[in-house]
PDB file of N, CA and C in Angstrom:
ATOM      1  N   UNK A   1      72.643   1.128   5.981  1.00  0.00           N
ATOM      2  CA  UNK A   1      71.445   2.051   6.089  1.00  0.00           C
ATOM      3  C   UNK A   1      70.590   1.637   6.836  1.00  0.00           C
ATOM      4  N   UNK A   2      70.276   1.466   7.739  1.00  0.00           N
ATOM      5  CA  UNK A   2      68.556   1.591   8.670  1.00  0.00           C
ATOM      6  C   UNK A   2      67.765   2.317   7.688  1.00  0.00           C
ATOM      7  N   UNK A   3      66.690   1.603   8.065  1.00  0.00           N
ATOM      8  CA  UNK A   3      64.893   2.115   7.207  1.00  0.00           C
ATOM      9  C   UNK A   3      64.627   3.421   8.149  1.00  0.00           C
ATOM     10  N   UNK A   4      63.962   4.574   6.845  1.00  0.00           N
ATOM     11  CA  UNK A   4      63.851   5.728   7.645  1.00  0.00           C
ATOM     12  C   UNK A   4      62.030   5.140   8.863  1.00  0.00           C
ATOM     13  N   UNK A   5      61.783   4.350   8.468  1.00  0.00           N
ATOM     14  CA  UNK A   5      60.106   4.307   9.900  1.00  0.00           C
ATOM     15  C   UNK A   5      60.089   3.208   9.627  1.00  0.00           C
ATOM     16  N   UNK A   6      59.141   2.411  10.226  1.00  0.00           N
ATOM     17  CA  UNK A   6      58.347   0.855  10.528  1.00  0.00           C
ATOM     18  C   UNK A   6      57.903   0.869   9.368  1.00  0.00           C
ATOM     19  N   UNK A   7      57.125   1.725   8.157  1.00  0.00           N
ATOM     20  CA  UNK A   7      56.452   1.208   7.587  1.00  0.00           C
ATOM     21  C   UNK A   7      57.706   1.024   6.339  1.00  0.00           C
ATOM     22  N   UNK A   8      58.559   1.730   5.892  1.00  0.00           N
ATOM     23  CA  UNK A   8      60.056   1.588   5.096  1.00  0.00           C
ATOM     24  C   UNK A   8      60.233   0.116   6.068  1.00  0.00           C
ATOM     25  N   UNK A   9      60.739  -0.482   7.013  1.00  0.00           N
ATOM     26  CA  UNK A   9      61.130  -1.722   7.627  1.00  0.00           C
ATOM     27  C   UNK A   9      60.525  -2.812   6.573  1.00  0.00           C
ATOM     28  N   UNK A  10      59.094  -2.176   7.132  1.00  0.00           N
ATOM     29  CA  UNK A  10      57.925  -3.405   6.294  1.00  0.00           C
ATOM     30  C   UNK A  10      58.436  -4.098   5.045  1.00  0.00           C
ATOM     31  N   UNK A  11      58.513  -2.802   4.366  1.00  0.00           N
ATOM     32  CA  UNK A  11      58.744  -3.079   2.702  1.00  0.00           C
ATOM     33  C   UNK A  11      59.915  -3.963   2.697  1.00  0.00           C
ATOM     34  N   UNK A  12      60.881  -3.107   3.218  1.00  0.00           N
ATOM     35  CA  UNK A  12      62.371  -3.646   3.102  1.00  0.00           C
ATOM     36  C   UNK A  12      61.926  -5.310   3.469  1.00  0.00           C
ATOM     37  N   UNK A  13      61.901  -6.112   4.539  1.00  0.00           N
ATOM     38  CA  UNK A  13      61.715  -7.141   4.633  1.00  0.00           C
ATOM     39  C   UNK A  13      60.465  -7.705   3.918  1.00  0.00           C
ATOM     40  N   UNK A  14      59.482  -7.521   3.370  1.00  0.00           N
ATOM     41  CA  UNK A  14      59.234  -8.175   2.523  1.00  0.00           C
ATOM     42  C   UNK A  14      59.152  -8.037   1.157  1.00  0.00           C
ATOM     43  N   UNK A  15      60.614  -7.149   0.755  1.00  0.00           N
ATOM     44  CA  UNK A  15      61.261  -7.381  -0.497  1.00  0.00           C
ATOM     45  C   UNK A  15      62.337  -8.387  -0.577  1.00  0.00           C
ATOM     46  N   UNK A  16      62.717  -8.319   0.641  1.00  0.00           N
ATOM     47  CA  UNK A  16      63.905  -9.293   1.028  1.00  0.00           C
ATOM     48  C   UNK A  16      63.383 -10.696   0.899  1.00  0.00           C
ATOM     49  N   UNK A  17      62.457 -10.573   1.829  1.00  0.00           N
ATOM     50  CA  UNK A  17      61.524 -12.259   1.389  1.00  0.00           C
ATOM     51  C   UNK A  17      61.087 -12.605   0.386  1.00  0.00           C
ATOM     52  N   UNK A  18      60.987 -11.531  -0.488  1.00  0.00           N
ATOM     53  CA  UNK A  18      60.262 -12.124  -1.994  1.00  0.00           C
ATOM     54  C   UNK A  18      61.336 -11.788  -3.167  1.00  0.00           C
ATOM     55  N   UNK A  19      62.365 -11.005  -2.891  1.00  0.00           N
ATOM     56  CA  UNK A  19      63.758 -11.083  -3.340  1.00  0.00           C
ATOM     57  C   UNK A  19      65.086 -13.096  -3.252  1.00  0.00           C
ATOM     58  N   UNK A  20      64.264 -13.365  -2.559  1.00  0.00           N
ATOM     59  CA  UNK A  20      65.218 -14.003  -1.655  1.00  0.00           C
ATOM     60  C   UNK A  20      64.137 -15.708  -2.382  1.00  0.00           C
ATOM     61  N   UNK A  21      63.266 -15.622  -1.704  1.00  0.00           N
ATOM     62  CA  UNK A  21      62.144 -17.113  -1.852  1.00  0.00           C
ATOM     63  C   UNK A  21      60.843 -16.462  -3.803  1.00  0.00           C
ATOM     64  N   UNK A  22      60.873 -15.642  -3.942  1.00  0.00           N
ATOM     65  CA  UNK A  22      59.379 -15.754  -5.061  1.00  0.00           C
ATOM     66  C   UNK A  22      58.191 -15.440  -4.753  1.00  0.00           C
ATOM     67  N   UNK A  23      58.186 -15.280  -2.678  1.00  0.00           N
ATOM     68  CA  UNK A  23      57.335 -15.621  -2.396  1.00  0.00           C
ATOM     69  C   UNK A  23      56.151 -14.160  -2.484  1.00  0.00           C
ATOM     70  N   UNK A  24      54.795 -14.111  -3.142  1.00  0.00           N
ATOM     71  CA  UNK A  24      54.564 -12.513  -2.726  1.00  0.00           C
ATOM     72  C   UNK A  24      54.602 -12.136  -4.139  1.00  0.00           C
ATOM     73  N   UNK A  25      55.141 -12.757  -5.076  1.00  0.00           N
ATOM     74  CA  UNK A  25      54.877 -11.569  -6.240  1.00  0.00           C
ATOM     75  C   UNK A  25      55.041 -12.323  -7.702  1.00  0.00           C
ATOM     76  N   UNK A  26      55.586 -11.854  -8.339  1.00  0.00           N
ATOM     77  CA  UNK A  26      56.406 -12.538  -9.640  1.00  0.00           C
ATOM     78  C   UNK A  26      57.569 -11.954 -10.095  1.00  0.00           C
ATOM     79  N   UNK A  27      58.295 -12.442 -10.988  1.00  0.00           N
ATOM     80  CA  UNK A  27      59.661 -12.363 -11.267  1.00  0.00           C
ATOM     81  C   UNK A  27      59.563 -12.909 -12.627  1.00  0.00           C
ATOM     82  N   UNK A  28      59.964 -11.328 -13.476  1.00  0.00           N
ATOM     83  CA  UNK A  28      60.649 -11.723 -15.141  1.00  0.00           C
ATOM     84  C   UNK A  28      61.450 -10.990 -15.463  1.00  0.00           C
ATOM     85  N   UNK A  29      61.936 -12.192 -16.675  1.00  0.00           N
ATOM     86  CA  UNK A  29      62.986 -11.664 -17.489  1.00  0.00           C
ATOM     87  C   UNK A  29      63.179 -10.993 -18.689  1.00  0.00           C
ATOM     88  N   UNK A  30      63.430 -10.215 -18.580  1.00  0.00           N
ATOM     89  CA  UNK A  30      64.211  -9.540 -20.072  1.00  0.00           C
ATOM     90  C   UNK A  30      63.799 -10.355 -20.856  1.00  0.00           C
ATOM     91  N   UNK A  31      63.863 -10.123 -22.595  1.00  0.00           N
ATOM     92  CA  UNK A  31      64.082 -10.688 -23.396  1.00  0.00           C
ATOM     93  C   UNK A  31      66.066 -11.444 -23.593  1.00  0.00           C
ATOM     94  N   UNK A  32      66.701 -10.177 -23.304  1.00  0.00           N
ATOM     95  CA  UNK A  32      68.522 -10.071 -23.268  1.00  0.00           C
ATOM     96  C   UNK A  32      68.757 -11.425 -21.965  1.00  0.00           C
ATOM     97  N   UNK A  33      68.118 -11.562 -20.513  1.00  0.00           N
ATOM     98  CA  UNK A  33      68.315 -12.342 -19.334  1.00  0.00           C
ATOM     99  C   UNK A  33      68.206 -13.078 -20.415  1.00  0.00           C
ATOM    100  N   UNK A  34      66.819 -13.702 -20.585  1.00  0.00           N
ATOM    101  CA  UNK A  34      66.777 -15.026 -21.376  1.00  0.00           C
ATOM    102  C   UNK A  34      67.848 -15.107 -21.931  1.00  0.00           C
ATOM    103  N   UNK A  35      68.165 -14.482 -23.079  1.00  0.00           N
ATOM    104  CA  UNK A  35      69.208 -15.101 -24.053  1.00  0.00           C
ATOM    105  C   UNK A  35      70.542 -15.498 -23.539  1.00  0.00           C
ATOM    106  N   UNK A  36      71.174 -15.023 -22.180  1.00  0.00           N
ATOM    107  CA  UNK A  36      71.903 -15.489 -21.233  1.00  0.00           C
ATOM    108  C   UNK A  36      71.598 -17.684 -21.430  1.00  0.00           C
ATOM    109  N   UNK A  37      73.284 -17.855 -21.297  1.00  0.00           N
ATOM    110  CA  UNK A  37      73.447 -19.272 -21.069  1.00  0.00           C
ATOM    111  C   UNK A  37      72.672 -19.496 -19.688  1.00  0.00           C
ATOM    112  N   UNK A  38      72.185 -20.730 -20.127  1.00  0.00           N
ATOM    113  CA  UNK A  38      71.476 -21.062 -18.608  1.00  0.00           C
ATOM    114  C   UNK A  38      71.917 -20.863 -17.119  1.00  0.00           C
ATOM    115  N   UNK A  39      73.710 -20.997 -17.420  1.00  0.00           N
ATOM    116  CA  UNK A  39      74.670 -21.156 -16.255  1.00  0.00           C
ATOM    117  C   UNK A  39      74.185 -19.931 -15.821  1.00  0.00           C
ATOM    118  N   UNK A  40      74.644 -18.964 -17.334  1.00  0.00           N
ATOM    119  CA  UNK A  40      74.771 -17.509 -16.810  1.00  0.00           C
ATOM    120  C   UNK A  40      73.651 -16.788 -15.899  1.00  0.00           C
ATOM    121  N   UNK A  41      72.182 -17.518 -16.058  1.00  0.00           N
ATOM    122  CA  UNK A  41      70.876 -16.806 -15.504  1.00  0.00           C
ATOM    123  C   UNK A  41      70.948 -17.583 -14.371  1.00  0.00           C
ATOM    124  N   UNK A  42      71.366 -18.902 -13.949  1.00  0.00           N
ATOM    125  CA  UNK A  42      71.263 -19.652 -12.693  1.00  0.00           C
ATOM    126  C   UNK A  42      72.631 -18.340 -11.869  1.00  0.00           C
ATOM    127  N   UNK A  43      73.529 -18.240 -11.817  1.00  0.00           N
ATOM    128  CA  UNK A  43      74.558 -17.484 -11.132  1.00  0.00           C
ATOM    129  C   UNK A  43      74.354 -16.242 -10.937  1.00  0.00           C
ATOM    130  N   UNK A  44      73.459 -15.933 -12.510  1.00  0.00           N
ATOM    131  CA  UNK A  44      72.646 -14.110 -12.106  1.00  0.00           C
ATOM    132  C   UNK A  44      71.555 -14.364 -10.774  1.00  0.00           C
ATOM    133  N   UNK A  45      70.874 -15.293 -11.175  1.00  0.00           N
ATOM    134  CA  UNK A  45      69.743 -15.425  -9.836  1.00  0.00           C
ATOM    135  C   UNK A  45      70.161 -15.703  -8.160  1.00  0.00           C
ATOM    136  N   UNK A  46      71.250 -16.439  -7.989  1.00  0.00           N
ATOM    137  CA  UNK A  46      71.539 -16.554  -7.102  1.00  0.00           C
ATOM    138  C   UNK A  46      71.994 -16.074  -6.623  1.00  0.00           C
ATOM    139  N   UNK A  47      73.006 -14.957  -7.516  1.00  0.00           N
ATOM    140  CA  UNK A  47      73.863 -13.175  -6.844  1.00  0.00           C
ATOM    141  C   UNK A  47      72.543 -12.178  -6.092  1.00  0.00           C
ATOM    142  N   UNK A  48      71.269 -11.974  -6.953  1.00  0.00           N
ATOM    143  CA  UNK A  48      70.261 -11.891  -6.723  1.00  0.00           C
ATOM    144  C   UNK A  48      69.415 -12.124  -5.299  1.00  0.00           C
ATOM    145  N   UNK A  49      69.459 -13.257  -5.349  1.00  0.00           N
ATOM    146  CA  UNK A  49      68.957 -13.664  -3.502  1.00  0.00           C
ATOM    147  C   UNK A  49      69.475 -13.699  -2.697  1.00  0.00           C
ATOM    148  N   UNK A  50      70.675 -13.325  -3.472  1.00  0.00           N
ATOM    149  CA  UNK A  50      71.779 -13.228  -1.536  1.00  0.00           C
ATOM    150  C   UNK A  50      72.074 -11.512  -1.931  1.00  0.00           C
ATOM    151  N   UNK A  51      72.010 -10.985  -2.486  1.00  0.00           N
ATOM    152  CA  UNK A  51      72.558  -9.566  -2.529  1.00  0.00           C
ATOM    153  C   UNK A  51      72.279  -9.280  -0.719  1.00  0.00           C
ATOM    154  N   UNK A  52      73.210  -8.444  -0.796  1.00  0.00           N
ATOM    155  CA  UNK A  52      72.831  -7.584   0.403  1.00  0.00           C
ATOM    156  C   UNK A  52      73.720  -6.476   0.516  1.00  0.00           C
ATOM    157  N   UNK A  53      74.428  -5.713  -0.915  1.00  0.00           N
ATOM    158  CA  UNK A  53      74.955  -4.607  -0.299  1.00  0.00           C
ATOM    159  C   UNK A  53      74.463  -3.840  -0.835  1.00  0.00           C
ATOM    160  N   UNK A  54      73.342  -2.981  -0.034  1.00  0.00           N
ATOM    161  CA  UNK A  54      72.400  -2.161  -0.689  1.00  0.00           C
ATOM    162  C   UNK A  54      73.545  -0.865   0.037  1.00  0.00           C
ATOM    163  N   UNK A  55      73.119   0.124  -0.018  1.00  0.00           N
ATOM    164  CA  UNK A  55      73.989   1.379  -0.095  1.00  0.00           C
ATOM    165  C   UNK A  55      72.747   2.696  -0.325  1.00  0.00           C
ATOM    166  N   UNK A  56      72.963   4.081  -0.100  1.00  0.00           N
ATOM    167  CA  UNK A  56      72.634   5.120  -0.022  1.00  0.00           C
ATOM    168  C   UNK A  56      72.693   5.390  -1.343  1.00  0.00           C
ATOM    169  N   UNK A  57      73.450   4.970  -2.603  1.00  0.00           N
ATOM    170  CA  UNK A  57      73.295   5.132  -3.668  1.00  0.00           C
ATOM    171  C   UNK A  57      72.678   4.549  -4.420  1.00  0.00           C
ATOM    172  N   UNK A  58      72.712   2.936  -4.278  1.00  0.00           N
ATOM    173  CA  UNK A  58      71.610   1.575  -5.088  1.00  0.00           C
ATOM    174  C   UNK A  58      69.929   2.045  -4.067  1.00  0.00           C
ATOM    175  N   UNK A  59      69.921   2.272  -2.735  1.00  0.00           N
ATOM    176  CA  UNK A  59      68.021   2.067  -1.758  1.00  0.00           C
ATOM    177  C   UNK A  59      68.962   3.576  -1.336  1.00  0.00           C
ATOM    178  N   UNK A  60      68.229   4.268  -1.801  1.00  0.00           N
ATOM    179  CA  UNK A  60      68.188   5.635  -1.761  1.00  0.00           C
ATOM    180  C   UNK A  60      67.009   5.622  -0.204  1.00  0.00           C
ATOM    181  N   UNK A  61      65.860   4.998  -0.371  1.00  0.00           N
ATOM    182  CA  UNK A  61      64.519   5.014   0.276  1.00  0.00           C
ATOM    183  C   UNK A  61      64.378   3.877   1.570  1.00  0.00           C
ATOM    184  N   UNK A  62      65.887   2.904   1.088  1.00  0.00           N
ATOM    185  CA  UNK A  62      65.957   1.968   2.367  1.00  0.00           C
ATOM    186  C   UNK A  62      64.741   0.946   1.642  1.00  0.00           C
ATOM    187  N   UNK A  63      64.129   0.935   0.769  1.00  0.00           N
ATOM    188  CA  UNK A  63      63.444  -0.568   0.321  1.00  0.00           C
ATOM    189  C   UNK A  63      64.256  -1.668   0.245  1.00  0.00           C
ATOM    190  N   UNK A  64      65.221  -1.461  -0.230  1.00  0.00           N
ATOM    191  CA  UNK A  64      65.314  -2.981  -0.787  1.00  0.00           C
ATOM    192  C   UNK A  64      65.402  -3.793  -2.299  1.00  0.00           C
ATOM    193  N   UNK A  65      64.748  -2.130  -2.833  1.00  0.00           N
ATOM    194  CA  UNK A  65      64.106  -2.332  -3.923  1.00  0.00           C
ATOM    195  C   UNK A  65      65.075  -2.344  -5.984  1.00  0.00           C
ATOM    196  N   UNK A  66      65.686  -2.354  -5.600  1.00  0.00           N
ATOM    197  CA  UNK A  66      67.062  -1.609  -6.717  1.00  0.00           C
ATOM    198  C   UNK A  66      68.141  -2.282  -6.331  1.00  0.00           C
ATOM    199  N   UNK A  67      68.635  -2.675  -7.482  1.00  0.00           N
ATOM    200  CA  UNK A  67      70.861  -2.680  -7.127  1.00  0.00           C
ATOM    201  C   UNK A  67      71.020  -3.450  -8.641  1.00  0.00           C
ATOM    202  N   UNK A  68      72.472  -2.847  -9.039  1.00  0.00           N
ATOM    203  CA  UNK A  68      72.849  -3.660 -10.187  1.00  0.00           C
ATOM    204  C   UNK A  68      73.695  -4.726  -9.307  1.00  0.00           C
ATOM    205  N   UNK A  69      73.854  -5.567 -10.420  1.00  0.00           N
ATOM    206  CA  UNK A  69      75.031  -6.980 -10.780  1.00  0.00           C
ATOM    207  C   UNK A  69      76.075  -6.349 -11.688  1.00  0.00           C
ATOM    208  N   UNK A  70      77.043  -7.102 -11.835  1.00  0.00           N
ATOM    209  CA  UNK A  70      78.395  -7.297 -13.080  1.00  0.00           C
ATOM    210  C   UNK A  70      77.524  -8.876 -13.363  1.00  0.00           C
ATOM    211  N   UNK A  71      78.042  -8.519 -14.521  1.00  0.00           N
ATOM    212  CA  UNK A  71      77.705  -9.837 -15.178  1.00  0.00           C
ATOM    213  C   UNK A  71      78.603  -9.565 -16.743  1.00  0.00           C
ATOM    214  N   UNK A  72      79.779 -10.155 -16.951  1.00  0.00           N
ATOM    215  CA  UNK A  72      80.250 -10.424 -17.914  1.00  0.00           C
ATOM    216  C   UNK A  72      80.901  -8.479 -17.755  1.00  0.00           C
ATOM    217  N   UNK A  73      80.908  -7.936 -19.440  1.00  0.00           N
ATOM    218  CA  UNK A  73      81.516  -6.576 -19.441  1.00  0.00           C
ATOM    219  C   UNK A  73      79.859  -5.906 -18.908  1.00  0.00           C
ATOM    220  N   UNK A  74      79.558  -6.092 -18.534  1.00  0.00           N
ATOM    221  CA  UNK A  74      78.077  -5.776 -18.150  1.00  0.00           C
ATOM    222  C   UNK A  74      76.929  -5.235 -17.181  1.00  0.00           C
ATOM    223  N   UNK A  75      76.583  -4.428 -16.719  1.00  0.00           N
ATOM    224  CA  UNK A  75      75.430  -4.587 -15.312  1.00  0.00           C
ATOM    225  C   UNK A  75      74.143  -5.100 -15.681  1.00  0.00           C
ATOM    226  N   UNK A  76      73.761  -5.917 -14.422  1.00  0.00           N
ATOM    227  CA  UNK A  76      72.999  -6.581 -14.815  1.00  0.00           C
ATOM    228  C   UNK A  76      71.645  -5.767 -13.244  1.00  0.00           C
ATOM    229  N   UNK A  77      70.772  -5.188 -13.560  1.00  0.00           N
ATOM    230  CA  UNK A  77      69.685  -4.773 -12.530  1.00  0.00           C
ATOM    231  C   UNK A  77      68.083  -5.526 -12.661  1.00  0.00           C
ATOM    232  N   UNK A  78      68.227  -5.339 -11.159  1.00  0.00           N
ATOM    233  CA  UNK A  78      66.509  -6.095 -10.411  1.00  0.00           C
ATOM    234  C   UNK A  78      66.121  -4.405  -9.908  1.00  0.00           C
ATOM    235  N   UNK A  79      64.400  -4.879 -10.573  1.00  0.00           N
ATOM    236  CA  UNK A  79      64.331  -3.685  -9.961  1.00  0.00           C
ATOM    237  C   UNK A  79      62.375  -4.167  -9.676  1.00  0.00           C
ATOM    238  N   UNK A  80      62.303  -3.997  -8.203  1.00  0.00           N
ATOM    239  CA  UNK A  80      60.698  -4.489  -7.574  1.00  0.00           C
ATOM    240  C   UNK A  80      59.861  -2.747  -7.751  1.00  0.00           C
ATOM    241  N   UNK A  81      58.570  -3.174  -8.102  1.00  0.00           N
ATOM    242  CA  UNK A  81      57.667  -2.392  -8.133  1.00  0.00           C
ATOM    243  C   UNK A  81      56.591  -3.138  -7.877  1.00  0.00           C
ATOM    244  N   UNK A  82      55.988  -2.560  -7.151  1.00  0.00           N
ATOM    245  CA  UNK A  82      54.034  -2.532  -6.156  1.00  0.00           C
ATOM    246  C   UNK A  82      53.412  -2.528  -7.136  1.00  0.00           C
ATOM    247  N   UNK A  83      52.430  -3.360  -7.473  1.00  0.00           N
ATOM    248  CA  UNK A  83      51.395  -3.358  -8.518  1.00  0.00           C
ATOM    249  C   UNK A  83      49.693  -3.783  -7.559  1.00  0.00           C
ATOM    250  N   UNK A  84      48.634  -3.110  -7.468  1.00  0.00           N
ATOM    251  CA  UNK A  84      47.820  -3.414  -6.618  1.00  0.00           C
ATOM    252  C   UNK A  84      47.303  -5.491  -7.304  1.00  0.00           C
ATOM    253  N   UNK A  85      46.640  -5.844  -6.568  1.00  0.00           N
ATOM    254  CA  UNK A  85      46.448  -7.216  -6.849  1.00  0.00           C
ATOM    255  C   UNK A  85      45.784  -8.417  -7.857  1.00  0.00           C
ATOM    256  N   UNK A  86      44.904  -7.219  -8.747  1.00  0.00           N
ATOM    257  CA  UNK A  86      44.786  -8.107 -10.143  1.00  0.00           C
ATOM    258  C   UNK A  86      45.524  -7.146 -11.372  1.00  0.00           C
ATOM    259  N   UNK A  87      46.189  -6.539 -10.379  1.00  0.00           N
ATOM    260  CA  UNK A  87      47.723  -5.969 -11.656  1.00  0.00           C
ATOM    261  C   UNK A  87      47.357  -5.015 -12.793  1.00  0.00           C
ATOM    262  N   UNK A  88      46.708  -4.184 -12.133  1.00  0.00           N
ATOM    263  CA  UNK A  88      46.038  -2.604 -13.214  1.00  0.00           C
ATOM    264  C   UNK A  88      46.748  -1.957 -12.955  1.00  0.00           C
ATOM    265  N   UNK A  89      47.102  -1.957 -11.672  1.00  0.00           N
ATOM    266  CA  UNK A  89      47.433  -0.102 -10.893  1.00  0.00           C
ATOM    267  C   UNK A  89      48.474  -0.132 -10.136  1.00  0.00           C
ATOM    268  N   UNK A  90      49.325   0.694  -9.398  1.00  0.00           N
ATOM    269  CA  UNK A  90      50.185   0.844  -8.134  1.00  0.00           C
ATOM    270  C   UNK A  90      49.482   0.322  -6.957  1.00  0.00           C
ATOM    271  N   UNK A  91      50.334  -0.209  -6.608  1.00  0.00           N
ATOM    272  CA  UNK A  91      49.735  -0.558  -5.295  1.00  0.00           C
ATOM    273  C   UNK A  91      49.768   0.567  -4.415  1.00  0.00           C
ATOM    274  N   UNK A  92      48.200   1.107  -3.667  1.00  0.00           N
ATOM    275  CA  UNK A  92      48.730   2.029  -2.477  1.00  0.00           C
ATOM    276  C   UNK A  92      48.874   2.130  -1.261  1.00  0.00           C
ATOM    277  N   UNK A  93      49.452   0.950  -1.032  1.00  0.00           N
ATOM    278  CA  UNK A  93      50.755   0.395   0.000  1.00  0.00           C
ATOM    279  C   UNK A  93      51.808  -0.623  -0.198  1.00  0.00           C
ATOM    280  N   UNK A  94      52.330  -0.516  -0.403  1.00  0.00           N
ATOM    281  CA  UNK A  94      53.680  -1.581  -0.747  1.00  0.00           C
ATOM    282  C   UNK A  94      53.666  -2.220   0.848  1.00  0.00           C
ATOM    283  N   UNK A  95      53.554  -2.205   1.804  1.00  0.00           N
ATOM    284  CA  UNK A  95      53.624  -2.415   3.199  1.00  0.00           C
ATOM    285  C   UNK A  95      52.516  -3.626   3.331  1.00  0.00           C
ATOM    286  N   UNK A  96      51.430  -3.570   2.484  1.00  0.00           N
ATOM    287  CA  UNK A  96      50.247  -4.238   2.714  1.00  0.00           C
ATOM    288  C   UNK A  96      50.238  -5.572   2.017  1.00  0.00           C
ATOM    289  N   UNK A  97      50.707  -6.846   1.985  1.00  0.00           N
ATOM    290  CA  UNK A  97      50.507  -7.717   1.385  1.00  0.00           C
ATOM    291  C   UNK A  97      48.778  -8.497   0.708  1.00  0.00           C
ATOM    292  N   UNK A  98      48.055  -7.806   1.760  1.00  0.00           N
ATOM    293  CA  UNK A  98      46.445  -7.890   0.975  1.00  0.00           C
ATOM    294  C   UNK A  98      45.981  -7.404  -0.203  1.00  0.00           C
ATOM    295  N   UNK A  99      46.973  -5.705  -0.295  1.00  0.00           N
ATOM    296  CA  UNK A  99      46.495  -5.341  -1.209  1.00  0.00           C
ATOM    297  C   UNK A  99      47.891  -4.912  -2.629  1.00  0.00           C
ATOM    298  N   UNK A 100      48.986  -6.006  -2.400  1.00  0.00           N
ATOM    299  CA  UNK A 100      49.891  -5.683  -3.165  1.00  0.00           C
ATOM    300  C   UNK A 100      50.563  -7.022  -4.142  1.00  0.00           C
ATOM    301  N   UNK A 101      50.840  -6.623  -4.942  1.00  0.00           N
ATOM    302  CA  UNK A 101      51.837  -7.985  -5.494  1.00  0.00           C
ATOM    303  C   UNK A 101      53.344  -7.203  -5.770  1.00  0.00           C
ATOM    304  N   UNK A 102      54.144  -8.194  -5.496  1.00  0.00           N
ATOM    305  CA  UNK A 102      55.615  -7.262  -5.875  1.00  0.00           C
ATOM    306  C   UNK A 102      56.036  -8.444  -6.981  1.00  0.00           C
ATOM    307  N   UNK A 103      56.171  -7.237  -7.931  1.00  0.00           N
ATOM    308  CA  UNK A 103      57.283  -7.200  -9.332  1.00  0.00           C
ATOM    309  C   UNK A 103      58.291  -7.304  -9.421  1.00  0.00           C
ATOM    310  N   UNK A 104      59.429  -8.320  -9.813  1.00  0.00           N
ATOM    311  CA  UNK A 104      60.933  -7.820  -9.940  1.00  0.00           C
ATOM    312  C   UNK A 104      60.410  -8.315 -11.452  1.00  0.00           C
ATOM    313  N   UNK A 105      61.572  -6.939 -11.948  1.00  0.00           N
ATOM    314  CA  UNK A 105      62.373  -7.592 -13.346  1.00  0.00           C
ATOM    315  C   UNK A 105      63.546  -7.148 -13.018  1.00  0.00           C
ATOM    316  N   UNK A 106      64.414  -8.239 -14.285  1.00  0.00           N
ATOM    317  CA  UNK A 106      65.367  -8.446 -14.296  1.00  0.00           C
ATOM    318  C   UNK A 106      65.971  -8.127 -15.580  1.00  0.00           C
ATOM    319  N   UNK A 107      67.397  -6.744 -15.228  1.00  0.00           N
ATOM    320  CA  UNK A 107      67.723  -6.707 -16.748  1.00  0.00           C
ATOM    321  C   UNK A 107      68.543  -6.584 -16.987  1.00  0.00           C
ATOM    322  N   UNK A 108      69.150  -6.476 -18.547  1.00  0.00           N
ATOM    323  CA  UNK A 108      70.443  -5.810 -18.428  1.00  0.00           C
ATOM    324  C   UNK A 108      70.685  -4.520 -18.350  1.00  0.00           C
ATOM    325  N   UNK A 109      71.569  -3.532 -18.559  1.00  0.00           N
ATOM    326  CA  UNK A 109      71.467  -1.932 -18.585  1.00  0.00           C
ATOM    327  C   UNK A 109      71.444  -1.537 -19.821  1.00  0.00           C
ATOM    328  N   UNK A 110      71.318  -1.485 -20.191  1.00  0.00           N
ATOM    329  CA  UNK A 110      71.259  -1.400 -22.067  1.00  0.00           C
ATOM    330  C   UNK A 110      69.790  -1.215 -21.981  1.00  0.00           C
ATOM    331  N   UNK A 111      68.707  -2.444 -21.203  1.00  0.00           N
ATOM    332  CA  UNK A 111      67.326  -2.244 -21.397  1.00  0.00           C
ATOM    333  C   UNK A 111      66.744  -1.348 -20.528  1.00  0.00           C
ATOM    334  N   UNK A 112      67.794  -0.577 -19.608  1.00  0.00           N
ATOM    335  CA  UNK A 112      66.854   0.166 -18.122  1.00  0.00           C
ATOM    336  C   UNK A 112      66.573   1.359 -19.112  1.00  0.00           C
TER     337      UNK A 112
END
């Protein structure tokens, strides 16, 4: 699915870099993800880093900021949100790295 405009393309690229490397933000796991065996956590984060099956259904804005992946009998979600640099409010412009900190939360579907 092609991005809607240049700003969306920039957000999408920044999200892909962040998701693959962790650069430019913070990654949080919910208690249910933390409680998984370490092997499952490693596998899940490996699949998040390489995820590229974005569709209109799971990525309606073309920003690559959310998806679900199967994990056992459940689904895991990752969601990227955009905060200002001091993390006190949302970012006014997620395409501007000087004013945005990305936060990816990884959770099980029952926690969403």
